[in-house]
């Protein structure tokens, strides 16, 4: 399992909210402390979304993995993270990227690179072609999602809904506005400068909590970048709604209603009760797969 997607998979129903604004009616489930705990299937979903809104990735993983499996999950993540050898080439690439993002003139240099492309996108002939280009790209992306054998049906539904909403937003052309790009670039540079690591060796030296702290800092930066385009993830994440629509013993189906960029999204996610608390079935399945692979 790739080190780039392990933690989001461990906390599937929380991490999906990273890319989507959430909303809708919860049929009785509230955001109270009782409703956002893991004591109920929908409460586990709501609790994870709230932890993600706060950027508390340590607590998010803790809430998404049964205590008996938590240490295994953390060790597997760190082992996967450090499985690729640090080479001088990788050190140099990382250093070059950090210099580009944190240098004294980083904002001006980045804007100098992308401004001509943004101006080209704003040309009348390009604006006329934009809807067709976006529709073509969306078609290719949807096909790739549908053909992805590693994604579950729930994940495909989530990804497709998010993609459709983003494509509709992209047709407005806001992403090509120079003033918005300047604010987004400023957020990128500010985030890079605030990272607690400056070299690849420092990244590899982090323990699990340190790595989650790095994710938290990066996530705060992502939210600032989205704000440059009037997308407030804090506000939208605070409106997550979920409803337990069926339960059979230790298995339950939870319906999550979401609204991304004005487009309502809805999907069902399967939950499993372990030692009295509820966890995402996809999360547990991935842990089992990871454990089986490690044993072999």
C-alpha atoms as a PDB file:
ATOM      1  CA  UNK A   1       0.000   0.000   0.000  1.00  0.00           C
ATOM      2  CA  UNK A   2       1.393   3.350  -1.008  1.00  0.00           C
ATOM      3  CA  UNK A   3       2.584   5.589   1.791  1.00  0.00           C
ATOM      4  CA  UNK A   4       0.754   8.451   0.065  1.00  0.00           C
ATOM      5  CA  UNK A   5      -2.715   6.998   0.567  1.00  0.00           C
ATOM      6  CA  UNK A   6      -2.503   4.781   3.655  1.00  0.00           C
ATOM      7  CA  UNK A   7      -3.720   7.281   6.219  1.00  0.00           C
ATOM      8  CA  UNK A   8      -6.633   8.535   4.085  1.00  0.00           C
ATOM      9  CA  UNK A   9      -7.678   4.922   3.593  1.00  0.00           C
ATOM     10  CA  UNK A  10      -7.428   4.283   7.323  1.00  0.00           C
ATOM     11  CA  UNK A  11      -9.885   7.103   7.861  1.00  0.00           C
ATOM     12  CA  UNK A  12     -11.922   6.822   4.699  1.00  0.00           C
ATOM     13  CA  UNK A  13     -15.079   8.582   5.718  1.00  0.00           C
ATOM     14  CA  UNK A  14     -13.102  11.410   7.291  1.00  0.00           C
ATOM     15  CA  UNK A  15     -10.554  11.829   4.554  1.00  0.00           C
ATOM     16  CA  UNK A  16     -13.148  12.003   1.790  1.00  0.00           C
ATOM     17  CA  UNK A  17     -14.391  15.166   3.444  1.00  0.00           C
ATOM     18  CA  UNK A  18     -10.997  16.688   2.764  1.00  0.00           C
ATOM     19  CA  UNK A  19     -12.062  17.016  -0.856  1.00  0.00           C
ATOM     20  CA  UNK A  20     -15.740  17.709  -0.411  1.00  0.00           C
ATOM     21  CA  UNK A  21     -18.084  20.097   1.283  1.00  0.00           C
ATOM     22  CA  UNK A  22     -20.667  18.308   3.369  1.00  0.00           C
ATOM     23  CA  UNK A  23     -24.301  19.064   4.064  1.00  0.00           C
ATOM     24  CA  UNK A  24     -27.883  17.788   4.118  1.00  0.00           C
ATOM     25  CA  UNK A  25     -30.369  16.478   6.642  1.00  0.00           C
ATOM     26  CA  UNK A  26     -29.259  13.773   9.040  1.00  0.00           C
ATOM     27  CA  UNK A  27     -32.624  12.366   9.960  1.00  0.00           C
ATOM     28  CA  UNK A  28     -32.077  12.920  13.653  1.00  0.00           C
ATOM     29  CA  UNK A  29     -28.287  12.609  13.985  1.00  0.00           C
ATOM     30  CA  UNK A  30     -26.793  15.775  15.454  1.00  0.00           C
ATOM     31  CA  UNK A  31     -23.309  17.153  15.973  1.00  0.00           C
ATOM     32  CA  UNK A  32     -23.508  16.789  19.729  1.00  0.00           C
ATOM     33  CA  UNK A  33     -20.770  14.942  21.630  1.00  0.00           C
ATOM     34  CA  UNK A  34     -22.944  11.857  21.908  1.00  0.00           C
ATOM     35  CA  UNK A  35     -23.793  11.818  18.218  1.00  0.00           C
ATOM     36  CA  UNK A  36     -20.193  12.336  17.081  1.00  0.00           C
ATOM     37  CA  UNK A  37     -18.726   9.456  19.075  1.00  0.00           C
ATOM     38  CA  UNK A  38     -18.044   5.958  17.799  1.00  0.00           C
ATOM     39  CA  UNK A  39     -20.913   4.533  19.853  1.00  0.00           C
ATOM     40  CA  UNK A  40     -23.249   4.675  16.841  1.00  0.00           C
ATOM     41  CA  UNK A  41     -22.492   4.056  13.151  1.00  0.00           C
ATOM     42  CA  UNK A  42     -23.451   7.580  12.052  1.00  0.00           C
ATOM     43  CA  UNK A  43     -21.731   9.035  15.123  1.00  0.00           C
ATOM     44  CA  UNK A  44     -18.434   7.516  14.020  1.00  0.00           C
ATOM     45  CA  UNK A  45     -18.763   9.188  10.636  1.00  0.00           C
ATOM     46  CA  UNK A  46     -19.681  12.557  12.135  1.00  0.00           C
ATOM     47  CA  UNK A  47     -16.875  12.324  14.678  1.00  0.00           C
ATOM     48  CA  UNK A  48     -14.269  11.643  12.012  1.00  0.00           C
ATOM     49  CA  UNK A  49     -15.455  14.572   9.905  1.00  0.00           C
ATOM     50  CA  UNK A  50     -15.223  16.877  12.932  1.00  0.00           C
ATOM     51  CA  UNK A  51     -11.681  15.701  13.735  1.00  0.00           C
ATOM     52  CA  UNK A  52     -10.711  16.326  10.142  1.00  0.00           C
ATOM     53  CA  UNK A  53     -12.193  19.829  10.301  1.00  0.00           C
ATOM     54  CA  UNK A  54      -9.945  20.483  13.285  1.00  0.00           C
ATOM     55  CA  UNK A  55      -6.963  19.036  11.411  1.00  0.00           C
ATOM     56  CA  UNK A  56      -6.290  16.563  14.220  1.00  0.00           C
ATOM     57  CA  UNK A  57      -4.924  13.662  12.195  1.00  0.00           C
ATOM     58  CA  UNK A  58      -3.605  11.768  15.216  1.00  0.00           C
ATOM     59  CA  UNK A  59      -7.068  11.696  16.780  1.00  0.00           C
ATOM     60  CA  UNK A  60      -8.614  10.947  13.382  1.00  0.00           C
ATOM     61  CA  UNK A  61      -6.524   7.828  12.899  1.00  0.00           C
ATOM     62  CA  UNK A  62      -7.090   6.792  16.520  1.00  0.00           C
ATOM     63  CA  UNK A  63     -10.842   7.095  16.002  1.00  0.00           C
ATOM     64  CA  UNK A  64     -10.752   5.219  12.708  1.00  0.00           C
ATOM     65  CA  UNK A  65      -8.799   2.145  13.782  1.00  0.00           C
ATOM     66  CA  UNK A  66      -9.693  -0.324  16.568  1.00  0.00           C
ATOM     67  CA  UNK A  67      -7.282   0.034  19.510  1.00  0.00           C
ATOM     68  CA  UNK A  68      -6.072  -3.553  19.071  1.00  0.00           C
ATOM     69  CA  UNK A  69      -5.046  -2.742  15.486  1.00  0.00           C
ATOM     70  CA  UNK A  70      -3.771   0.782  16.024  1.00  0.00           C
ATOM     71  CA  UNK A  71      -0.122  -0.003  16.684  1.00  0.00           C
ATOM     72  CA  UNK A  72      -0.041  -2.313  13.664  1.00  0.00           C
ATOM     73  CA  UNK A  73      -1.478   0.442  11.489  1.00  0.00           C
ATOM     74  CA  UNK A  74       1.036   3.004  12.720  1.00  0.00           C
ATOM     75  CA  UNK A  75       3.994   0.671  12.286  1.00  0.00           C
ATOM     76  CA  UNK A  76       2.850  -0.308   8.829  1.00  0.00           C
ATOM     77  CA  UNK A  77       2.482   3.323   7.818  1.00  0.00           C
ATOM     78  CA  UNK A  78       5.957   4.246   9.030  1.00  0.00           C
ATOM     79  CA  UNK A  79       7.530   1.157   7.472  1.00  0.00           C
ATOM     80  CA  UNK A  80       5.894   1.978   4.152  1.00  0.00           C
ATOM     81  CA  UNK A  81       6.973   5.601   4.436  1.00  0.00           C
ATOM     82  CA  UNK A  82      10.611   4.636   4.889  1.00  0.00           C
ATOM     83  CA  UNK A  83      10.653   1.752   2.434  1.00  0.00           C
ATOM     84  CA  UNK A  84      12.096   3.910  -0.349  1.00  0.00           C
ATOM     85  CA  UNK A  85      15.779   4.591   0.071  1.00  0.00           C
ATOM     86  CA  UNK A  86      16.968   8.167   0.391  1.00  0.00           C
ATOM     87  CA  UNK A  87      19.318   8.895  -2.487  1.00  0.00           C
ATOM     88  CA  UNK A  88      21.343  11.982  -3.258  1.00  0.00           C
ATOM     89  CA  UNK A  89      19.085  12.576  -6.246  1.00  0.00           C
ATOM     90  CA  UNK A  90      15.963  12.532  -4.067  1.00  0.00           C
ATOM     91  CA  UNK A  91      17.644  14.811  -1.520  1.00  0.00           C
ATOM     92  CA  UNK A  92      18.500  17.277  -4.265  1.00  0.00           C
ATOM     93  CA  UNK A  93      14.971  17.195  -5.720  1.00  0.00           C
ATOM     94  CA  UNK A  94      13.423  17.811  -2.306  1.00  0.00           C
ATOM     95  CA  UNK A  95      15.846  20.640  -1.565  1.00  0.00           C
ATOM     96  CA  UNK A  96      15.136  22.246  -4.940  1.00  0.00           C
ATOM     97  CA  UNK A  97      11.382  22.081  -4.358  1.00  0.00           C
ATOM     98  CA  UNK A  98      11.659  23.568  -0.879  1.00  0.00           C
ATOM     99  CA  UNK A  99      13.883  26.359  -2.164  1.00  0.00           C
ATOM    100  CA  UNK A 100      11.365  27.129  -4.894  1.00  0.00           C
ATOM    101  CA  UNK A 101       8.530  27.271  -2.363  1.00  0.00           C
ATOM    102  CA  UNK A 102      10.290  29.096   0.472  1.00  0.00           C
ATOM    103  CA  UNK A 103      12.822  31.388  -1.187  1.00  0.00           C
ATOM    104  CA  UNK A 104      12.705  35.138  -0.491  1.00  0.00           C
ATOM    105  CA  UNK A 105      11.030  35.831  -3.865  1.00  0.00           C
ATOM    106  CA  UNK A 106       9.006  32.616  -4.043  1.00  0.00           C
ATOM    107  CA  UNK A 107       5.609  34.258  -4.609  1.00  0.00           C
ATOM    108  CA  UNK A 108       6.820  36.545  -7.404  1.00  0.00           C
ATOM    109  CA  UNK A 109       8.767  33.784  -9.134  1.00  0.00           C
ATOM    110  CA  UNK A 110       5.843  31.351  -9.062  1.00  0.00           C
ATOM    111  CA  UNK A 111       3.417  33.959 -10.381  1.00  0.00           C
ATOM    112  CA  UNK A 112       5.862  34.840 -13.159  1.00  0.00           C
ATOM    113  CA  UNK A 113       5.696  31.204 -14.253  1.00  0.00           C
ATOM    114  CA  UNK A 114       1.931  30.769 -14.179  1.00  0.00           C
ATOM    115  CA  UNK A 115       0.705  34.259 -15.134  1.00  0.00           C
ATOM    116  CA  UNK A 116       1.168  33.710 -18.904  1.00  0.00           C
ATOM    117  CA  UNK A 117      -0.833  30.488 -18.698  1.00  0.00           C
ATOM    118  CA  UNK A 118      -3.618  32.184 -16.748  1.00  0.00           C
ATOM    119  CA  UNK A 119      -3.740  35.054 -19.238  1.00  0.00           C
ATOM    120  CA  UNK A 120      -3.975  32.544 -22.075  1.00  0.00           C
ATOM    121  CA  UNK A 121      -6.905  30.831 -20.344  1.00  0.00           C
ATOM    122  CA  UNK A 122      -8.688  34.180 -20.093  1.00  0.00           C
ATOM    123  CA  UNK A 123      -8.467  34.834 -23.828  1.00  0.00           C
ATOM    124  CA  UNK A 124     -11.939  34.843 -25.524  1.00  0.00           C
ATOM    125  CA  UNK A 125     -11.134  31.907 -27.809  1.00  0.00           C
ATOM    126  CA  UNK A 126      -9.920  29.807 -24.887  1.00  0.00           C
ATOM    127  CA  UNK A 127     -12.979  30.663 -22.781  1.00  0.00           C
ATOM    128  CA  UNK A 128     -15.164  29.440 -25.617  1.00  0.00           C
ATOM    129  CA  UNK A 129     -13.316  26.115 -25.712  1.00  0.00           C
ATOM    130  CA  UNK A 130     -13.161  25.661 -21.943  1.00  0.00           C
ATOM    131  CA  UNK A 131     -16.478  23.790 -21.421  1.00  0.00           C
ATOM    132  CA  UNK A 132     -15.619  21.218 -24.088  1.00  0.00           C
ATOM    133  CA  UNK A 133     -12.102  20.752 -22.710  1.00  0.00           C
ATOM    134  CA  UNK A 134     -13.417  20.280 -19.190  1.00  0.00           C
ATOM    135  CA  UNK A 135     -16.092  17.843 -20.382  1.00  0.00           C
ATOM    136  CA  UNK A 136     -13.476  15.777 -22.204  1.00  0.00           C
ATOM    137  CA  UNK A 137     -11.179  15.715 -19.201  1.00  0.00           C
ATOM    138  CA  UNK A 138     -14.054  14.774 -16.929  1.00  0.00           C
ATOM    139  CA  UNK A 139     -14.977  11.911 -19.226  1.00  0.00           C
ATOM    140  CA  UNK A 140     -11.472  10.486 -19.139  1.00  0.00           C
ATOM    141  CA  UNK A 141     -11.308  10.865 -15.355  1.00  0.00           C
ATOM    142  CA  UNK A 142     -14.690   9.178 -14.803  1.00  0.00           C
ATOM    143  CA  UNK A 143     -13.613   6.283 -16.991  1.00  0.00           C
ATOM    144  CA  UNK A 144     -10.414   5.903 -14.974  1.00  0.00           C
ATOM    145  CA  UNK A 145     -12.417   5.898 -11.734  1.00  0.00           C
ATOM    146  CA  UNK A 146     -14.834   3.269 -13.017  1.00  0.00           C
ATOM    147  CA  UNK A 147     -11.987   1.050 -14.201  1.00  0.00           C
ATOM    148  CA  UNK A 148      -9.936   1.358 -10.995  1.00  0.00           C
ATOM    149  CA  UNK A 149      -9.906  -2.106  -9.442  1.00  0.00           C
ATOM    150  CA  UNK A 150      -8.511  -0.854  -6.127  1.00  0.00           C
ATOM    151  CA  UNK A 151     -11.517   1.381  -5.394  1.00  0.00           C
ATOM    152  CA  UNK A 152     -14.693   0.134  -3.772  1.00  0.00           C
ATOM    153  CA  UNK A 153     -18.143   0.997  -5.119  1.00  0.00           C
ATOM    154  CA  UNK A 154     -18.524   3.573  -2.343  1.00  0.00           C
ATOM    155  CA  UNK A 155     -15.190   5.193  -3.162  1.00  0.00           C
ATOM    156  CA  UNK A 156     -16.070   5.314  -6.854  1.00  0.00           C
ATOM    157  CA  UNK A 157     -19.395   6.987  -6.080  1.00  0.00           C
ATOM    158  CA  UNK A 158     -17.634   9.525  -3.851  1.00  0.00           C
ATOM    159  CA  UNK A 159     -14.909  10.272  -6.386  1.00  0.00           C
ATOM    160  CA  UNK A 160     -17.374  10.565  -9.276  1.00  0.00           C
ATOM    161  CA  UNK A 161     -19.636  12.938  -7.373  1.00  0.00           C
ATOM    162  CA  UNK A 162     -16.714  15.102  -6.332  1.00  0.00           C
ATOM    163  CA  UNK A 163     -15.333  15.136  -9.871  1.00  0.00           C
ATOM    164  CA  UNK A 164     -18.669  16.208 -11.355  1.00  0.00           C
ATOM    165  CA  UNK A 165     -18.983  19.055  -8.857  1.00  0.00           C
ATOM    166  CA  UNK A 166     -15.433  20.267  -9.450  1.00  0.00           C
ATOM    167  CA  UNK A 167     -15.895  20.107 -13.215  1.00  0.00           C
ATOM    168  CA  UNK A 168     -19.032  22.268 -12.974  1.00  0.00           C
ATOM    169  CA  UNK A 169     -17.128  24.772 -10.839  1.00  0.00           C
ATOM    170  CA  UNK A 170     -14.176  24.774 -13.247  1.00  0.00           C
ATOM    171  CA  UNK A 171     -16.444  25.837 -16.086  1.00  0.00           C
ATOM    172  CA  UNK A 172     -16.879  29.192 -14.336  1.00  0.00           C
ATOM    173  CA  UNK A 173     -13.216  29.921 -15.000  1.00  0.00           C
ATOM    174  CA  UNK A 174     -12.498  31.146 -11.471  1.00  0.00           C
ATOM    175  CA  UNK A 175      -9.334  29.063 -11.339  1.00  0.00           C
ATOM    176  CA  UNK A 176      -7.866  31.258 -14.079  1.00  0.00           C
ATOM    177  CA  UNK A 177      -8.375  34.577 -12.275  1.00  0.00           C
ATOM    178  CA  UNK A 178      -4.991  36.128 -11.529  1.00  0.00           C
ATOM    179  CA  UNK A 179      -5.964  37.759  -8.214  1.00  0.00           C
ATOM    180  CA  UNK A 180      -7.193  34.405  -6.905  1.00  0.00           C
ATOM    181  CA  UNK A 181      -4.030  32.696  -8.109  1.00  0.00           C
ATOM    182  CA  UNK A 182      -1.945  35.263  -6.248  1.00  0.00           C
ATOM    183  CA  UNK A 183      -3.769  34.486  -2.999  1.00  0.00           C
ATOM    184  CA  UNK A 184      -3.433  30.754  -3.598  1.00  0.00           C
ATOM    185  CA  UNK A 185       0.293  31.051  -4.298  1.00  0.00           C
ATOM    186  CA  UNK A 186       0.729  33.125  -1.142  1.00  0.00           C
ATOM    187  CA  UNK A 187      -0.982  30.346   0.832  1.00  0.00           C
ATOM    188  CA  UNK A 188       1.248  27.692  -0.738  1.00  0.00           C
ATOM    189  CA  UNK A 189       4.414  29.619   0.090  1.00  0.00           C
ATOM    190  CA  UNK A 190       3.254  30.432   3.618  1.00  0.00           C
ATOM    191  CA  UNK A 191       2.474  26.774   4.265  1.00  0.00           C
ATOM    192  CA  UNK A 192       5.832  25.599   2.916  1.00  0.00           C
ATOM    193  CA  UNK A 193       7.659  28.114   5.100  1.00  0.00           C
ATOM    194  CA  UNK A 194       5.750  26.918   8.185  1.00  0.00           C
ATOM    195  CA  UNK A 195       6.614  23.247   7.732  1.00  0.00           C
ATOM    196  CA  UNK A 196       8.735  21.873  10.577  1.00  0.00           C
ATOM    197  CA  UNK A 197      11.028  20.076   8.124  1.00  0.00           C
ATOM    198  CA  UNK A 198      13.402  21.534   5.569  1.00  0.00           C
ATOM    199  CA  UNK A 199      15.177  18.428   4.236  1.00  0.00           C
ATOM    200  CA  UNK A 200      14.149  14.940   3.166  1.00  0.00           C
ATOM    201  CA  UNK A 201      16.221  13.463   5.969  1.00  0.00           C
ATOM    202  CA  UNK A 202      14.193  15.463   8.481  1.00  0.00           C
ATOM    203  CA  UNK A 203      10.995  14.060   6.999  1.00  0.00           C
ATOM    204  CA  UNK A 204      12.273  10.507   7.399  1.00  0.00           C
ATOM    205  CA  UNK A 205      13.338  11.234  10.976  1.00  0.00           C
ATOM    206  CA  UNK A 206       9.771  12.053  12.059  1.00  0.00           C
ATOM    207  CA  UNK A 207       7.862   9.569  14.201  1.00  0.00           C
ATOM    208  CA  UNK A 208       4.183   8.813  13.582  1.00  0.00           C
ATOM    209  CA  UNK A 209       2.869  11.761  15.609  1.00  0.00           C
ATOM    210  CA  UNK A 210       5.357  14.051  13.914  1.00  0.00           C
ATOM    211  CA  UNK A 211       4.202  12.887  10.505  1.00  0.00           C
ATOM    212  CA  UNK A 212       0.568  13.481  11.444  1.00  0.00           C
ATOM    213  CA  UNK A 213       1.562  16.963  12.594  1.00  0.00           C
ATOM    214  CA  UNK A 214       3.083  17.521   9.169  1.00  0.00           C
ATOM    215  CA  UNK A 215      -0.194  16.438   7.572  1.00  0.00           C
ATOM    216  CA  UNK A 216      -2.080  18.839   9.837  1.00  0.00           C
ATOM    217  CA  UNK A 217       0.082  21.775   8.787  1.00  0.00           C
ATOM    218  CA  UNK A 218      -0.327  20.835   5.139  1.00  0.00           C
ATOM    219  CA  UNK A 219      -4.098  20.491   5.535  1.00  0.00           C
ATOM    220  CA  UNK A 220      -4.331  23.969   7.039  1.00  0.00           C
ATOM    221  CA  UNK A 221      -2.509  25.206   3.965  1.00  0.00           C
ATOM    222  CA  UNK A 222      -4.894  23.349   1.665  1.00  0.00           C
ATOM    223  CA  UNK A 223      -7.830  25.077   3.347  1.00  0.00           C
ATOM    224  CA  UNK A 224      -6.171  28.465   2.820  1.00  0.00           C
ATOM    225  CA  UNK A 225      -5.623  27.654  -0.859  1.00  0.00           C
ATOM    226  CA  UNK A 226      -9.299  26.725  -1.245  1.00  0.00           C
ATOM    227  CA  UNK A 227     -10.305  29.985   0.417  1.00  0.00           C
ATOM    228  CA  UNK A 228      -8.578  31.856  -2.392  1.00  0.00           C
ATOM    229  CA  UNK A 229     -11.374  30.496  -4.568  1.00  0.00           C
ATOM    230  CA  UNK A 230     -14.144  31.191  -2.024  1.00  0.00           C
ATOM    231  CA  UNK A 231     -14.330  27.543  -0.912  1.00  0.00           C
ATOM    232  CA  UNK A 232     -14.463  27.398   2.893  1.00  0.00           C
ATOM    233  CA  UNK A 233     -13.729  23.822   3.977  1.00  0.00           C
ATOM    234  CA  UNK A 234     -14.068  24.661   7.669  1.00  0.00           C
ATOM    235  CA  UNK A 235     -17.611  25.865   7.150  1.00  0.00           C
ATOM    236  CA  UNK A 236     -18.605  22.985   4.933  1.00  0.00           C
ATOM    237  CA  UNK A 237     -16.998  20.300   7.084  1.00  0.00           C
ATOM    238  CA  UNK A 238     -18.924  21.598  10.079  1.00  0.00           C
ATOM    239  CA  UNK A 239     -22.195  20.753   8.301  1.00  0.00           C
ATOM    240  CA  UNK A 240     -21.612  17.029   7.775  1.00  0.00           C
ATOM    241  CA  UNK A 241     -24.779  14.985   8.182  1.00  0.00           C
ATOM    242  CA  UNK A 242     -25.076  11.201   8.431  1.00  0.00           C
ATOM    243  CA  UNK A 243     -27.882   8.755   9.125  1.00  0.00           C
ATOM    244  CA  UNK A 244     -27.826   5.075  10.046  1.00  0.00           C
ATOM    245  CA  UNK A 245     -30.301   3.654   7.541  1.00  0.00           C
ATOM    246  CA  UNK A 246     -29.956  -0.025   8.491  1.00  0.00           C
ATOM    247  CA  UNK A 247     -28.227  -2.210  11.044  1.00  0.00           C
ATOM    248  CA  UNK A 248     -27.841  -5.972  11.284  1.00  0.00           C
ATOM    249  CA  UNK A 249     -25.941  -6.931  14.402  1.00  0.00           C
ATOM    250  CA  UNK A 250     -22.402  -5.595  14.098  1.00  0.00           C
ATOM    251  CA  UNK A 251     -22.887  -4.346  10.550  1.00  0.00           C
ATOM    252  CA  UNK A 252     -24.584  -1.117   9.520  1.00  0.00           C
ATOM    253  CA  UNK A 253     -25.176   1.071   6.513  1.00  0.00           C
ATOM    254  CA  UNK A 254     -24.741   4.831   6.942  1.00  0.00           C
ATOM    255  CA  UNK A 255     -25.952   7.418   4.456  1.00  0.00           C
ATOM    256  CA  UNK A 256     -23.830  10.536   4.218  1.00  0.00           C
ATOM    257  CA  UNK A 257     -25.195  13.631   2.512  1.00  0.00           C
ATOM    258  CA  UNK A 258     -22.732  16.119   1.161  1.00  0.00           C
ATOM    259  CA  UNK A 259     -22.799  19.359  -0.814  1.00  0.00           C
ATOM    260  CA  UNK A 260     -19.761  20.283  -2.839  1.00  0.00           C
ATOM    261  CA  UNK A 261     -19.629  23.662  -4.566  1.00  0.00           C
ATOM    262  CA  UNK A 262     -23.414  23.866  -4.502  1.00  0.00           C
ATOM    263  CA  UNK A 263     -23.909  20.330  -5.836  1.00  0.00           C
ATOM    264  CA  UNK A 264     -25.604  17.873  -3.438  1.00  0.00           C
ATOM    265  CA  UNK A 265     -23.774  14.566  -3.032  1.00  0.00           C
ATOM    266  CA  UNK A 266     -24.989  11.443  -1.287  1.00  0.00           C
ATOM    267  CA  UNK A 267     -23.405   8.043  -0.702  1.00  0.00           C
ATOM    268  CA  UNK A 268     -23.699   5.045   1.579  1.00  0.00           C
ATOM    269  CA  UNK A 269     -20.795   3.676   3.586  1.00  0.00           C
ATOM    270  CA  UNK A 270     -20.603   0.357   5.415  1.00  0.00           C
ATOM    271  CA  UNK A 271     -19.695   0.300   9.107  1.00  0.00           C
ATOM    272  CA  UNK A 272     -18.594  -2.571  11.363  1.00  0.00           C
ATOM    273  CA  UNK A 273     -18.757  -2.716  15.162  1.00  0.00           C
ATOM    274  CA  UNK A 274     -15.606  -3.913  16.925  1.00  0.00           C
ATOM    275  CA  UNK A 275     -15.515  -4.118  20.727  1.00  0.00           C
ATOM    276  CA  UNK A 276     -18.501  -1.820  21.041  1.00  0.00           C
ATOM    277  CA  UNK A 277     -17.353   0.912  18.655  1.00  0.00           C
ATOM    278  CA  UNK A 278     -18.001   1.488  14.962  1.00  0.00           C
ATOM    279  CA  UNK A 279     -15.401   1.682  12.191  1.00  0.00           C
ATOM    280  CA  UNK A 280     -15.471   1.915   8.415  1.00  0.00           C
ATOM    281  CA  UNK A 281     -15.570  -1.489   6.732  1.00  0.00           C
ATOM    282  CA  UNK A 282     -13.236  -0.294   3.991  1.00  0.00           C
ATOM    283  CA  UNK A 283     -10.736   0.778   6.647  1.00  0.00           C
ATOM    284  CA  UNK A 284     -10.774  -2.643   8.302  1.00  0.00           C
ATOM    285  CA  UNK A 285     -10.553  -4.419   4.953  1.00  0.00           C
ATOM    286  CA  UNK A 286      -7.475  -2.402   4.003  1.00  0.00           C
ATOM    287  CA  UNK A 287      -5.877  -3.155   7.350  1.00  0.00           C
ATOM    288  CA  UNK A 288      -6.514  -6.852   6.824  1.00  0.00           C
ATOM    289  CA  UNK A 289      -5.031  -6.696   3.340  1.00  0.00           C
ATOM    290  CA  UNK A 290      -2.003  -4.842   4.645  1.00  0.00           C
ATOM    291  CA  UNK A 291      -1.530  -7.361   7.442  1.00  0.00           C
ATOM    292  CA  UNK A 292      -1.811 -10.297   5.047  1.00  0.00           C
ATOM    293  CA  UNK A 293       0.696  -8.734   2.652  1.00  0.00           C
ATOM    294  CA  UNK A 294       3.155  -8.092   5.488  1.00  0.00           C
ATOM    295  CA  UNK A 295       2.829 -11.704   6.677  1.00  0.00           C
ATOM    296  CA  UNK A 296       3.732 -12.952   3.216  1.00  0.00           C
END
